[in-house]
C-alpha atoms as a PDB file:
ATOM      1  CA  MET A   1      14.190 -13.426  25.114  1.00  0.00           C
ATOM      2  CA  VAL A   2      14.512 -10.979  22.424  1.00  0.00           C
ATOM      3  CA  THR A   3      17.136 -10.354  20.474  1.00  0.00           C
ATOM      4  CA  THR A   4      18.257  -7.954  17.217  1.00  0.00           C
ATOM      5  CA  ALA A   5      18.505  -9.507  14.290  1.00  0.00           C
ATOM      6  CA  LYS A   6      19.278  -6.746  12.064  1.00  0.00           C
ATOM      7  CA  THR A   7      19.641  -3.273  11.854  1.00  0.00           C
ATOM      8  CA  THR A   8      20.035  -1.384   8.426  1.00  0.00           C
ATOM      9  CA  GLN A   9      19.402   2.416   7.509  1.00  0.00           C
ATOM     10  CA  GLY A  10      16.028   3.419   8.165  1.00  0.00           C
ATOM     11  CA  ARG A  11      14.965  -0.136   9.786  1.00  0.00           C
ATOM     12  CA  VAL A  12      15.518  -2.335  12.645  1.00  0.00           C
ATOM     13  CA  VAL A  13      14.319  -6.100  13.340  1.00  0.00           C
ATOM     14  CA  LEU A  14      13.380  -7.916  16.561  1.00  0.00           C
ATOM     15  CA  LYS A  15      13.336 -11.753  16.949  1.00  0.00           C
ATOM     16  CA  ASN A  16      10.973 -13.576  19.212  1.00  0.00           C
ATOM     17  CA  ILE A  17       8.695 -10.801  19.962  1.00  0.00           C
ATOM     18  CA  SER A  18       5.351 -12.158  21.298  1.00  0.00           C
ATOM     19  CA  TRP A  19       1.585 -10.882  20.034  1.00  0.00           C
ATOM     20  CA  GLN A  20       1.364  -9.147  23.139  1.00  0.00           C
ATOM     21  CA  THR A  21       4.162  -7.890  22.877  1.00  0.00           C
ATOM     22  CA  PHE A  22       3.900  -6.602  19.516  1.00  0.00           C
ATOM     23  CA  GLU A  23       0.634  -5.393  21.179  1.00  0.00           C
ATOM     24  CA  THR A  24       1.780  -3.502  23.772  1.00  0.00           C
ATOM     25  CA  ILE A  25       4.392  -1.124  21.121  1.00  0.00           C
ATOM     26  CA  LEU A  26       1.847  -0.823  18.736  1.00  0.00           C
ATOM     27  CA  ALA A  27      -0.156   1.201  21.839  1.00  0.00           C
ATOM     28  CA  GLU A  28       2.631   2.672  23.458  1.00  0.00           C
ATOM     29  CA  MET A  29       3.905   4.276  19.691  1.00  0.00           C
ATOM     30  CA  GLY A  30       0.589   5.514  19.105  1.00  0.00           C
ATOM     31  CA  GLU A  31      -1.020   6.934  15.987  1.00  0.00           C
ATOM     32  CA  ASP A  32       0.633   9.783  15.990  1.00  0.00           C
ATOM     33  CA  ARG A  33       4.204   8.419  14.363  1.00  0.00           C
ATOM     34  CA  ASN A  34       6.072   8.166  11.336  1.00  0.00           C
ATOM     35  CA  THR A  35       7.486   4.492  12.106  1.00  0.00           C
ATOM     36  CA  ARG A  36       5.577   1.430   9.987  1.00  0.00           C
ATOM     37  CA  LEU A  37       5.714  -2.015  11.682  1.00  0.00           C
ATOM     38  CA  ALA A  38       5.301  -5.203  10.142  1.00  0.00           C
ATOM     39  CA  TYR A  39       4.774  -8.578  12.770  1.00  0.00           C
ATOM     40  CA  ASP A  40       5.122 -11.906  11.163  1.00  0.00           C
ATOM     41  CA  ARG A  41       4.449 -14.954  13.964  1.00  0.00           C
ATOM     42  CA  GLY A  42       7.165 -13.295  16.062  1.00  0.00           C
ATOM     43  CA  THR A  43       9.551 -11.431  13.893  1.00  0.00           C
ATOM     44  CA  LEU A  44       8.906  -7.435  14.094  1.00  0.00           C
ATOM     45  CA  GLU A  45      10.560  -4.724  11.644  1.00  0.00           C
ATOM     46  CA  ILE A  46      10.457  -1.042  12.450  1.00  0.00           C
ATOM     47  CA  MET A  47      11.072   1.368   9.705  1.00  0.00           C
ATOM     48  CA  THR A  48      11.210   4.404   9.587  1.00  0.00           C
ATOM     49  CA  PRO A  49      10.445   6.465   5.482  1.00  0.00           C
ATOM     50  CA  LEU A  50      12.882   8.527   4.251  1.00  0.00           C
ATOM     51  CA  MET A  51      11.871  11.661   2.447  1.00  0.00           C
ATOM     52  CA  PRO A  52      12.277  10.194  -1.279  1.00  0.00           C
ATOM     53  CA  HIS A  53       9.975   7.292   0.292  1.00  0.00           C
ATOM     54  CA  GLU A  54       7.665   9.716   1.511  1.00  0.00           C
ATOM     55  CA  HIS A  55       8.091  12.148  -1.651  1.00  0.00           C
ATOM     56  CA  ASN A  56       6.751   9.079  -4.032  1.00  0.00           C
ATOM     57  CA  ASN A  57       4.083   7.728  -1.407  1.00  0.00           C
ATOM     58  CA  ARG A  58       2.178  10.732  -1.087  1.00  0.00           C
ATOM     59  CA  LEU A  59       2.403  11.337  -4.992  1.00  0.00           C
ATOM     60  CA  LEU A  60       0.786   7.819  -5.383  1.00  0.00           C
ATOM     61  CA  GLU A  61      -1.649   8.392  -3.236  1.00  0.00           C
ATOM     62  CA  HIS A  62      -2.359  11.558  -5.260  1.00  0.00           C
ATOM     63  CA  LEU A  63      -2.592   9.288  -8.428  1.00  0.00           C
ATOM     64  CA  VAL A  64      -5.069   7.076  -6.718  1.00  0.00           C
ATOM     65  CA  PHE A  65      -7.417   9.343  -6.333  1.00  0.00           C
ATOM     66  CA  ALA A  66      -7.078  11.145  -9.558  1.00  0.00           C
ATOM     67  CA  LEU A  67      -7.766   7.366 -10.493  1.00  0.00           C
ATOM     68  CA  ALA A  68     -11.340   7.034  -8.421  1.00  0.00           C
ATOM     69  CA  GLU A  69     -12.376  10.579  -9.691  1.00  0.00           C
ATOM     70  CA  GLU A  70     -11.968  10.172 -13.332  1.00  0.00           C
ATOM     71  CA  LEU A  71     -13.348   6.186 -13.423  1.00  0.00           C
ATOM     72  CA  ASN A  72     -16.089   7.539 -10.974  1.00  0.00           C
ATOM     73  CA  LEU A  73     -14.885   5.352  -8.517  1.00  0.00           C
ATOM     74  CA  ASN A  74     -15.784   5.860  -4.694  1.00  0.00           C
ATOM     75  CA  LEU A  75     -13.182   5.203  -2.054  1.00  0.00           C
ATOM     76  CA  LYS A  76     -11.815   5.527   1.419  1.00  0.00           C
ATOM     77  CA  SER A  77      -8.985   6.374   2.389  1.00  0.00           C
ATOM     78  CA  ALA A  78      -7.141   4.217   5.152  1.00  0.00           C
ATOM     79  CA  GLY A  79      -3.687   5.478   5.217  1.00  0.00           C
ATOM     80  CA  SER A  80      -1.172   4.000   7.273  1.00  0.00           C
ATOM     81  CA  LEU A  81      -3.699   1.182   8.502  1.00  0.00           C
ATOM     82  CA  THR A  82      -2.539  -1.025  11.142  1.00  0.00           C
ATOM     83  CA  CYS A  83      -4.180  -4.320   9.093  1.00  0.00           C
ATOM     84  CA  LYS A  84      -3.423  -7.078  11.755  1.00  0.00           C
ATOM     85  CA  ARG A  85      -5.188 -10.462  12.567  1.00  0.00           C
ATOM     86  CA  PRO A  86      -4.225 -12.172  16.044  1.00  0.00           C
ATOM     87  CA  ASP A  87      -5.461 -15.363  14.857  1.00  0.00           C
ATOM     88  CA  ILE A  88      -3.006 -15.887  11.786  1.00  0.00           C
ATOM     89  CA  GLN A  89      -0.106 -13.786  14.088  1.00  0.00           C
ATOM     90  CA  ARG A  90       0.138 -11.342  11.121  1.00  0.00           C
ATOM     91  CA  GLY A  91       0.406  -7.737  10.835  1.00  0.00           C
ATOM     92  CA  VAL A  92       1.408  -4.661   8.832  1.00  0.00           C
ATOM     93  CA  GLU A  93       1.287  -1.337   8.245  1.00  0.00           C
ATOM     94  CA  PRO A  94       1.154  -0.113   4.233  1.00  0.00           C
ATOM     95  CA  ASP A  95       2.587   3.178   3.570  1.00  0.00           C
ATOM     96  CA  SER A  96      -0.804   3.859   1.940  1.00  0.00           C
ATOM     97  CA  CYS A  97      -3.587   1.508   1.273  1.00  0.00           C
ATOM     98  CA  PHE A  98      -7.719   2.395   0.529  1.00  0.00           C
ATOM     99  CA  TYR A  99     -11.156   0.542   0.654  1.00  0.00           C
ATOM    100  CA  ILE A 100     -12.919   0.722  -3.105  1.00  0.00           C
ATOM    101  CA  GLN A 101     -15.341  -2.462  -3.880  1.00  0.00           C
ATOM    102  CA  ASN A 102     -15.575  -2.777  -0.178  1.00  0.00           C
ATOM    103  CA  GLU A 103     -15.931   1.368   0.800  1.00  0.00           C
ATOM    104  CA  PRO A 104     -19.785   1.097   1.216  1.00  0.00           C
ATOM    105  CA  LEU A 105     -18.974  -1.351   3.901  1.00  0.00           C
ATOM    106  CA  ILE A 106     -16.237   0.493   5.403  1.00  0.00           C
ATOM    107  CA  ARG A 107     -17.458   4.261   4.767  1.00  0.00           C
ATOM    108  CA  GLN A 108     -18.806   5.070   8.677  1.00  0.00           C
ATOM    109  CA  LYS A 109     -16.760   2.606  10.351  1.00  0.00           C
ATOM    110  CA  ARG A 110     -13.840   4.350  13.092  1.00  0.00           C
ATOM    111  CA  ASN A 111     -12.410   1.078  13.599  1.00  0.00           C
ATOM    112  CA  ILE A 112     -11.402  -1.445  11.463  1.00  0.00           C
ATOM    113  CA  ASP A 113     -11.398  -5.175  13.162  1.00  0.00           C
ATOM    114  CA  LEU A 114      -9.807  -7.380  10.690  1.00  0.00           C
ATOM    115  CA  THR A 115     -11.637 -10.349  12.279  1.00  0.00           C
ATOM    116  CA  ILE A 116     -14.761  -9.193  11.309  1.00  0.00           C
ATOM    117  CA  ASP A 117     -14.045  -6.267   8.307  1.00  0.00           C
ATOM    118  CA  PRO A 118     -12.957  -6.956   5.048  1.00  0.00           C
ATOM    119  CA  PRO A 119      -9.032  -5.455   4.818  1.00  0.00           C
ATOM    120  CA  PRO A 120      -8.024  -2.665   2.182  1.00  0.00           C
ATOM    121  CA  ASP A 121      -8.574  -3.381  -1.217  1.00  0.00           C
ATOM    122  CA  LEU A 122      -5.606  -1.704  -2.423  1.00  0.00           C
ATOM    123  CA  ALA A 123      -2.354  -1.366  -0.043  1.00  0.00           C
ATOM    124  CA  ILE A 124       0.842   0.240  -1.430  1.00  0.00           C
ATOM    125  CA  GLU A 125       4.113  -0.249  -0.331  1.00  0.00           C
ATOM    126  CA  VAL A 126       7.467   1.851  -1.465  1.00  0.00           C
ATOM    127  CA  ASP A 127      10.365   0.575  -1.346  1.00  0.00           C
ATOM    128  CA  TYR A 128      13.994   2.229  -0.644  1.00  0.00           C
ATOM    129  CA  THR A 129      15.852  -0.724   1.403  1.00  0.00           C
ATOM    130  CA  SER A 130      15.563  -4.031   1.315  1.00  0.00           C
ATOM    131  CA  ALA A 131      12.663  -5.283   4.077  1.00  0.00           C
ATOM    132  CA  SER A 132      13.958  -7.974   6.040  1.00  0.00           C
ATOM    133  CA  VAL A 133       9.975  -9.068   6.736  1.00  0.00           C
ATOM    134  CA  ASP A 134       8.075 -10.490   3.677  1.00  0.00           C
ATOM    135  CA  ARG A 135       5.342  -7.753   3.453  1.00  0.00           C
ATOM    136  CA  LEU A 136       3.650  -9.483   0.532  1.00  0.00           C
ATOM    137  CA  SER A 137       3.255 -12.912   2.623  1.00  0.00           C
ATOM    138  CA  ILE A 138       1.973 -10.490   4.649  1.00  0.00           C
ATOM    139  CA  TYR A 139      -1.157  -8.673   2.651  1.00  0.00           C
ATOM    140  CA  LEU A 140      -1.169 -12.751   1.408  1.00  0.00           C
ATOM    141  CA  ALA A 141      -2.594 -14.368   4.800  1.00  0.00           C
ATOM    142  CA  LEU A 142      -5.047 -10.939   5.118  1.00  0.00           C
ATOM    143  CA  GLY A 143      -6.368 -11.595   2.065  1.00  0.00           C
ATOM    144  CA  VAL A 144      -5.602  -7.883   0.348  1.00  0.00           C
ATOM    145  CA  PRO A 145      -6.797  -8.205  -3.002  1.00  0.00           C
ATOM    146  CA  GLU A 146      -4.523  -5.728  -4.800  1.00  0.00           C
ATOM    147  CA  VAL A 147      -0.628  -4.671  -4.021  1.00  0.00           C
ATOM    148  CA  TRP A 148       1.031  -1.931  -5.558  1.00  0.00           C
ATOM    149  CA  ARG A 149       5.002  -2.205  -4.718  1.00  0.00           C
ATOM    150  CA  TYR A 150       7.084   0.673  -6.338  1.00  0.00           C
ATOM    151  CA  ASP A 151      10.787   0.425  -6.063  1.00  0.00           C
ATOM    152  CA  GLU A 152      12.007   3.039  -7.878  1.00  0.00           C
ATOM    153  CA  PRO A 153      11.603   3.414 -10.873  1.00  0.00           C
ATOM    154  CA  VAL A 154      10.214   0.078 -11.084  1.00  0.00           C
ATOM    155  CA  MET A 155       6.398  -0.745 -10.098  1.00  0.00           C
ATOM    156  CA  GLN A 156       4.516  -3.862  -9.565  1.00  0.00           C
ATOM    157  CA  ILE A 157       1.033  -4.901  -9.559  1.00  0.00           C
ATOM    158  CA  TYR A 158       0.100  -7.728  -7.216  1.00  0.00           C
ATOM    159  CA  GLN A 159      -3.230  -9.310  -7.477  1.00  0.00           C
ATOM    160  CA  LEU A 160      -4.887 -11.926  -5.627  1.00  0.00           C
ATOM    161  CA  ARG A 161      -5.876 -15.047  -7.665  1.00  0.00           C
ATOM    162  CA  GLU A 162      -7.148 -18.444  -6.272  1.00  0.00           C
ATOM    163  CA  GLY A 163      -5.081 -17.751  -3.138  1.00  0.00           C
ATOM    164  CA  VAL A 164      -1.691 -16.399  -4.829  1.00  0.00           C
ATOM    165  CA  TYR A 165      -0.443 -13.580  -5.636  1.00  0.00           C
ATOM    166  CA  VAL A 166      -0.233 -12.749 -10.073  1.00  0.00           C
ATOM    167  CA  LEU A 167       1.937 -10.312 -11.430  1.00  0.00           C
ATOM    168  CA  CYS A 168       0.134  -8.385 -13.552  1.00  0.00           C
ATOM    169  CA  THR A 169       0.774  -5.364 -16.226  1.00  0.00           C
ATOM    170  CA  VAL A 170      -2.177  -3.800 -15.495  1.00  0.00           C
ATOM    171  CA  SER A 171      -4.700  -2.771 -12.446  1.00  0.00           C
ATOM    172  CA  PRO A 172      -8.033  -4.782 -12.100  1.00  0.00           C
ATOM    173  CA  THR A 173      -9.207  -2.433  -9.465  1.00  0.00           C
ATOM    174  CA  PHE A 174      -8.712   0.569 -12.474  1.00  0.00           C
ATOM    175  CA  ALA A 175     -10.498  -0.550 -15.247  1.00  0.00           C
ATOM    176  CA  ASN A 176      -7.240  -3.149 -16.507  1.00  0.00           C
ATOM    177  CA  LEU A 177      -5.035   0.666 -17.207  1.00  0.00           C
ATOM    178  CA  PRO A 178      -1.524   0.027 -17.904  1.00  0.00           C
ATOM    179  CA  LEU A 179      -0.186   1.747 -15.177  1.00  0.00           C
ATOM    180  CA  THR A 180       2.675  -0.236 -14.050  1.00  0.00           C
ATOM    181  CA  THR A 181       4.517   2.047 -17.295  1.00  0.00           C
ATOM    182  CA  GLU A 182       2.766   5.291 -16.845  1.00  0.00           C
ATOM    183  CA  ILE A 183       2.940   5.688 -13.140  1.00  0.00           C
ATOM    184  CA  PRO A 184       6.636   5.506 -13.244  1.00  0.00           C
ATOM    185  CA  ARG A 185       7.048   8.052 -15.595  1.00  0.00           C
ATOM    186  CA  CYS A 186       4.996  10.508 -14.066  1.00  0.00           C
ATOM    187  CA  LEU A 187       6.787   9.708 -11.036  1.00  0.00           C
ATOM    188  CA  SER A 188       9.891  10.645 -13.152  1.00  0.00           C
ATOM    189  CA  GLU A 189       8.925  13.398 -15.386  1.00  0.00           C
ATOM    190  CA  SER A 190       7.535  15.555 -11.775  1.00  0.00           C
ATOM    191  CA  LEU A 191      10.717  15.877 -10.783  1.00  0.00           C
ATOM    192  CA  ARG A 192      10.988  17.903 -13.826  1.00  0.00           C
ATOM    193  CA  ILE A 193       8.063  19.830 -14.211  1.00  0.00           C
ATOM    194  CA  GLY A 194       6.619  19.802 -11.047  1.00  0.00           C
ATOM    195  CA  GLU A 195       3.653  17.740  -9.156  1.00  0.00           C
ATOM    196  CA  ILE A 196       0.749  20.170 -10.435  1.00  0.00           C
ATOM    197  CA  THR A 197       1.619  19.707 -13.469  1.00  0.00           C
ATOM    198  CA  MET A 198       2.041  16.176 -13.839  1.00  0.00           C
ATOM    199  CA  ILE A 199      -1.010  15.247 -11.586  1.00  0.00           C
ATOM    200  CA  HIS A 200      -2.823  17.544 -14.809  1.00  0.00           C
ATOM    201  CA  SER A 201      -0.629  15.317 -17.421  1.00  0.00           C
ATOM    202  CA  PHE A 202      -1.670  12.369 -15.573  1.00  0.00           C
ATOM    203  CA  ARG A 203      -5.455  12.858 -15.911  1.00  0.00           C
ATOM    204  CA  ASN A 204      -5.088  13.926 -19.614  1.00  0.00           C
ATOM    205  CA  TRP A 205      -3.700  10.791 -19.906  1.00  0.00           C
ATOM    206  CA  LEU A 206      -6.493   8.740 -17.953  1.00  0.00           C
ATOM    207  CA  ARG A 207      -9.610  10.670 -19.724  1.00  0.00           C
ATOM    208  CA  GLN A 208      -7.629   9.634 -23.496  1.00  0.00           C
ATOM    209  CA  GLN A 209      -7.522   6.244 -22.212  1.00  0.00           C
ATOM    210  CA  ILE A 210     -11.560   6.103 -20.946  1.00  0.00           C
ATOM    211  CA  LYS A 211     -11.970   7.883 -23.947  1.00  0.00           C
ATOM    212  CA  ASP A 212     -10.192   4.605 -25.934  1.00  0.00           C
ATOM    213  CA  MET A 213     -12.051   2.444 -24.133  1.00  0.00           C
ATOM    214  CA  GLU A 214     -15.427   3.763 -24.510  1.00  0.00           C
ATOM    215  CA  ASN A 215     -15.087   3.744 -28.549  1.00  0.00           C
ATOM    216  CA  ASN A 216     -13.705   0.221 -28.233  1.00  0.00           C
ATOM    217  CA  ILE A 217     -16.812  -0.649 -26.590  1.00  0.00           C
END
């Protein structure tokens, strides 16, 4: 029997959902949608992002691209890729995710199968209401190396180390830059100066950080 556990603003949680039902829901909903799903061994959460959520998610994507360009890193954007593995009965759709270290392995692939392919190197979660499903534990089970969690105005970076997530103040993917302080400042500043001006400012900050690192070598 399927039971509704909780309904909050933008979120519905269902209990006693089989993996087959989860797969059926994914197939019936299709890819052209704005909902995000998370599944953890029988519990399914369906989240509909609100405007502030999507606004900050898109800005974070722009900042990731700026980081990759300035640090000369290649990446493959996978958006809200459905990251799922039937063998562990877990699945999640991040707000955004990227292949960076494993980009060469994924570059030409149209379909990702996490039973044989690596998970995204970076997943981003933007929170505005309390999730009922622990998405971080799903990312851990899937083996995602780095997770950014932004809950305005706080940003947290989790790095996978020896089977557990460790909270960091810097990003190991992006040259150990202190992004947990700079990114929230930039997102807040964008409301005052506009998005494009903010991105230019972020790039200038990045270039100065890179110059300082080069001078210290």
